[in-house]
Every structure is written in C-alpha cells, then in structure tokens.
Amino acid sequence: MSSPNKGIGKTDVALKWDASPLGEPPHDLDIIAATYRADAPYGEPAYLVHFDSRSPDGTINLSRDSHTGQGFGFDEVMTFEFDRLAPEYGRVVVGVAIQQRDGHKTFADVPNTRVRIAQGYDELGTDDFSSVGGATAAVVAEFTRDETGAWRFRKAVRGFEDTAPGTFATLMGREAV
C-alpha cells in the first residue's frame, strides 16, 4: 500500500559564492553526494556524485558546475530525483568541499557562501556556512527513506577541518555524534 504522504521528490541543492579578487587564485567549491544502501546506511557509500559524474541511474546529476564562482545566481546545482531512486538505497548525504589546490582555504575565506536546498519553489533549508567558518568541507543535508518508503530531509550542517575532497567523501556519511 502506498502512503498518502509523498515525502521529498525532486530536490535541488544549490551553492553560490563570490569570485576571488582579481589576481588571486579562484575559489572552487564542489557539491558532493554520497548514496548509501538501506541495509548499510552508515557503511561505505554505494556511489558518489560530484564534478564530472552522475549517479549510475541518472537520479542524481550535477547540472551546473563552477570553478570560480563567477556569474549570477547559484554557481553549482545538483538535482536529486528521490521519487525515482531505487528502493535498495535508504540514505543520501550531501556535502560541500573547497578545493585546496591553490592553498589552504576555509569557508571564512570565501565571501558570500550560501547553500539552498529546495523542492520546487519550497525552500527546505539554507545556510551561509558561518557556523563552520574554519572548516574546509561541510555536510549540509541528509535525506533518509522512512518505513513507508517516503524520503525525508534533515538539515545537517557539520564542518570538517583540513579535509581534502577525497578524504571528505569517506568521512561525510559517518553518523553524527
């Protein structure tokens, strides 16, 4: 029997920041999503989606990717189609990592950062990373499938310091303590 409560459906996680000053190395932030199996929600991710990738079934896509933060509106957007995600998956964790190739940068070093999680016109959550200013990466959202099969959103801003994007991808799905 299906539930009358549909839960979360198609959702966007959008990220924006200001470009670095002229002559300075660019600020490059990346959205990363980790998908976990329902039988191992805190184990190793079944797969990751980040720059230059998408989910194997096409339900998670990075539709806009910026390396500089230049332009109007949101610089990176990742779209999630939870209503199409296979039942074998029960948890999706979304994070943001700052590329460190041009020196150490934290969220406090990148002006006007903002993440927005929205389902259509309904804003589910926003954050400006001020609570994790000393971090180089942060988890920003967690989506879980409940016992009826509906997806639920939980804002989950947790910072990680001195973490390279590759290392962050293995840490981001750990259970928050």
Protein backbone atom coordinates (compact mmCIF):
# COMPACT_ATOMS: atom_id res chain seq x y z
CA MET A 1 0.00 0.00 0.00
CA SER A 2 1.33 3.43 -0.81
CA SER A 3 1.46 6.25 1.69
CA PRO A 4 -0.66 9.39 1.19
CA ASN A 5 2.40 11.39 2.29
CA LYS A 6 4.71 11.55 -0.70
CA GLY A 7 7.74 12.86 1.16
CA ILE A 8 10.58 14.51 -0.73
CA GLY A 9 10.55 14.26 -4.52
CA LYS A 10 12.70 16.18 -6.98
CA THR A 11 15.05 18.42 -4.99
CA ASP A 12 17.87 20.82 -5.84
CA VAL A 13 20.89 21.63 -3.74
CA ALA A 14 22.29 24.94 -4.98
CA LEU A 15 25.56 26.57 -3.96
CA LYS A 16 26.90 30.05 -4.56
CA TRP A 17 29.91 32.11 -3.57
CA ASP A 18 31.74 35.22 -4.72
CA ALA A 19 34.68 35.01 -7.07
CA SER A 20 38.14 35.69 -5.65
CA PRO A 21 39.66 39.16 -6.09
CA LEU A 22 41.48 39.91 -9.34
CA GLY A 23 44.92 38.30 -9.37
CA GLU A 24 44.11 35.81 -6.61
CA PRO A 25 43.64 32.05 -7.18
CA PRO A 26 39.97 31.16 -7.79
CA HIS A 27 37.68 29.84 -5.08
CA ASP A 28 36.43 26.42 -6.21
CA LEU A 29 33.70 24.79 -4.15
CA ASP A 30 32.10 21.46 -5.03
CA ILE A 31 28.84 19.74 -4.12
CA ILE A 32 29.35 16.05 -3.31
CA ALA A 33 26.58 13.50 -2.73
CA ALA A 34 27.05 10.06 -1.20
CA THR A 35 24.34 7.41 -1.60
CA TYR A 36 24.08 4.59 0.94
CA ARG A 37 22.28 1.27 0.77
CA ALA A 38 19.22 0.82 3.01
CA ASP A 39 20.86 -2.18 4.71
CA ALA A 40 24.08 -0.20 5.47
CA PRO A 41 23.09 3.46 5.92
CA TYR A 42 26.36 4.29 7.72
CA GLY A 43 28.66 1.96 5.82
CA GLU A 44 30.65 2.74 2.71
CA PRO A 45 28.77 4.77 0.09
CA ALA A 46 27.31 2.73 -2.76
CA TYR A 47 28.40 5.58 -5.04
CA LEU A 48 29.44 9.23 -5.05
CA VAL A 49 28.28 12.03 -7.32
CA HIS A 50 30.48 15.09 -7.76
CA PHE A 51 32.06 17.18 -10.52
CA ASP A 52 32.21 15.29 -13.83
CA SER A 53 29.92 12.48 -12.64
CA ARG A 54 26.32 11.49 -12.10
CA SER A 55 24.53 8.59 -10.44
CA PRO A 56 24.50 5.31 -12.39
CA ASP A 57 20.71 5.51 -12.83
CA GLY A 58 20.61 9.25 -13.62
CA THR A 59 18.63 10.20 -10.50
CA ILE A 60 21.39 12.50 -9.15
CA ASN A 61 23.01 14.99 -11.53
CA LEU A 62 25.30 17.97 -11.17
CA SER A 63 23.60 20.28 -13.65
CA ARG A 64 25.77 23.34 -13.06
CA ASP A 65 29.47 23.30 -12.11
CA SER A 66 31.64 26.36 -11.49
CA HIS A 67 35.37 26.52 -10.82
CA THR A 68 35.43 30.23 -9.96
CA GLY A 69 32.11 31.43 -8.51
CA GLN A 70 31.75 33.93 -11.35
CA GLY A 71 28.33 34.68 -12.72
CA PHE A 72 24.87 35.45 -11.44
CA GLY A 73 22.73 33.29 -9.21
CA PHE A 74 23.84 29.90 -8.00
CA ASP A 75 27.20 28.62 -9.22
CA GLU A 76 26.62 24.89 -8.71
CA VAL A 77 23.35 22.97 -8.69
CA MET A 78 22.84 19.26 -8.02
CA THR A 79 19.43 17.75 -8.74
CA PHE A 80 18.06 14.73 -6.87
CA GLU A 81 15.07 12.70 -8.08
CA PHE A 82 14.28 10.83 -4.87
CA ASP A 83 10.97 9.52 -6.20
CA ARG A 84 12.97 7.56 -8.83
CA LEU A 85 15.80 6.34 -6.58
CA ALA A 86 15.79 2.53 -6.28
CA PRO A 87 14.42 1.04 -3.03
CA GLU A 88 17.83 -0.50 -2.26
CA TYR A 89 19.06 2.99 -1.28
CA GLY A 90 17.99 4.44 2.05
CA ARG A 91 20.21 7.43 2.74
CA VAL A 92 21.82 10.27 0.77
CA VAL A 93 24.26 12.70 2.39
CA VAL A 94 25.15 15.98 0.66
CA GLY A 95 28.27 17.98 1.37
CA VAL A 96 30.34 20.87 0.08
CA ALA A 97 34.13 20.79 -0.18
CA ILE A 98 36.57 23.58 -1.01
CA GLN A 99 39.29 22.61 -3.46
CA GLN A 100 42.70 23.14 -1.83
CA ARG A 101 44.96 23.11 -4.88
CA ASP A 102 45.83 26.84 -4.61
CA GLY A 103 46.50 26.98 -0.86
CA HIS A 104 44.51 26.43 2.31
CA LYS A 105 41.01 27.96 2.23
CA THR A 106 38.16 27.72 4.70
CA PHE A 107 34.55 28.83 4.38
CA ALA A 108 35.52 32.03 6.23
CA ASP A 109 37.99 32.77 3.39
CA VAL A 110 35.32 32.53 0.68
CA PRO A 111 32.96 35.52 0.65
CA ASN A 112 29.18 35.27 0.45
CA THR A 113 28.81 31.49 0.51
CA ARG A 114 25.28 30.15 0.58
CA VAL A 115 23.65 26.79 0.10
CA ARG A 116 19.93 26.37 -0.61
CA ILE A 117 18.00 23.11 -0.53
CA ALA A 118 14.66 23.37 -2.32
CA GLN A 119 11.90 21.16 -3.66
CA GLY A 120 10.41 23.18 -6.50
CA TYR A 121 9.54 26.57 -5.03
CA ASP A 122 9.54 25.25 -1.45
CA GLU A 123 12.75 26.09 0.35
CA LEU A 124 13.68 23.26 2.69
CA GLY A 125 16.79 24.86 4.15
CA THR A 126 19.55 27.42 3.67
CA ASP A 127 22.89 28.10 5.29
CA ASP A 128 25.76 30.57 4.90
CA PHE A 129 28.49 28.33 6.43
CA SER A 130 29.18 30.87 9.19
CA SER A 131 28.75 28.16 11.85
CA VAL A 132 31.58 26.17 10.19
CA GLY A 133 33.78 29.08 9.09
CA GLY A 134 37.05 27.31 9.99
CA ALA A 135 36.15 24.20 8.02
CA THR A 136 37.31 23.22 4.53
CA ALA A 137 34.30 20.94 3.95
CA ALA A 138 30.82 20.54 5.42
CA VAL A 139 27.85 18.21 5.33
CA VAL A 140 24.78 20.33 4.52
CA ALA A 141 21.89 17.88 4.21
CA GLU A 142 20.81 14.33 4.86
CA PHE A 143 17.94 12.57 3.15
CA THR A 144 16.60 9.29 4.53
CA ARG A 145 13.89 6.91 3.43
CA ASP A 146 11.33 6.14 6.15
CA GLU A 147 9.43 2.91 6.80
CA THR A 148 6.72 3.89 4.27
CA GLY A 149 9.32 4.44 1.55
CA ALA A 150 8.95 8.24 1.60
CA TRP A 151 12.09 10.39 1.65
CA ARG A 152 12.66 12.86 4.49
CA PHE A 153 15.01 15.85 4.68
CA ARG A 154 17.18 16.82 7.65
CA LYS A 155 19.35 19.92 7.65
CA ALA A 156 22.72 18.72 8.91
CA VAL A 157 25.46 21.36 8.81
CA ARG A 158 28.68 19.81 10.19
CA GLY A 159 32.12 21.11 9.38
CA PHE A 160 35.32 19.19 8.72
CA GLU A 161 38.69 20.91 9.06
CA ASP A 162 41.72 20.32 6.85
CA THR A 163 39.94 17.70 4.79
CA ALA A 164 40.73 17.14 1.12
CA PRO A 165 37.66 16.45 -1.06
CA GLY A 166 38.66 12.79 -1.50
CA THR A 167 39.03 12.22 2.24
CA PHE A 168 35.86 14.17 2.97
CA ALA A 169 33.85 11.81 0.78
CA THR A 170 34.76 8.90 3.10
CA LEU A 171 34.02 10.89 6.31
CA MET A 172 30.82 12.71 5.38
CA GLY A 173 28.48 9.76 5.82
CA ARG A 174 29.55 8.83 9.32
CA GLU A 175 26.87 9.04 11.94
CA ALA A 176 26.88 12.42 13.70
CA VAL A 177 27.71 12.23 17.38
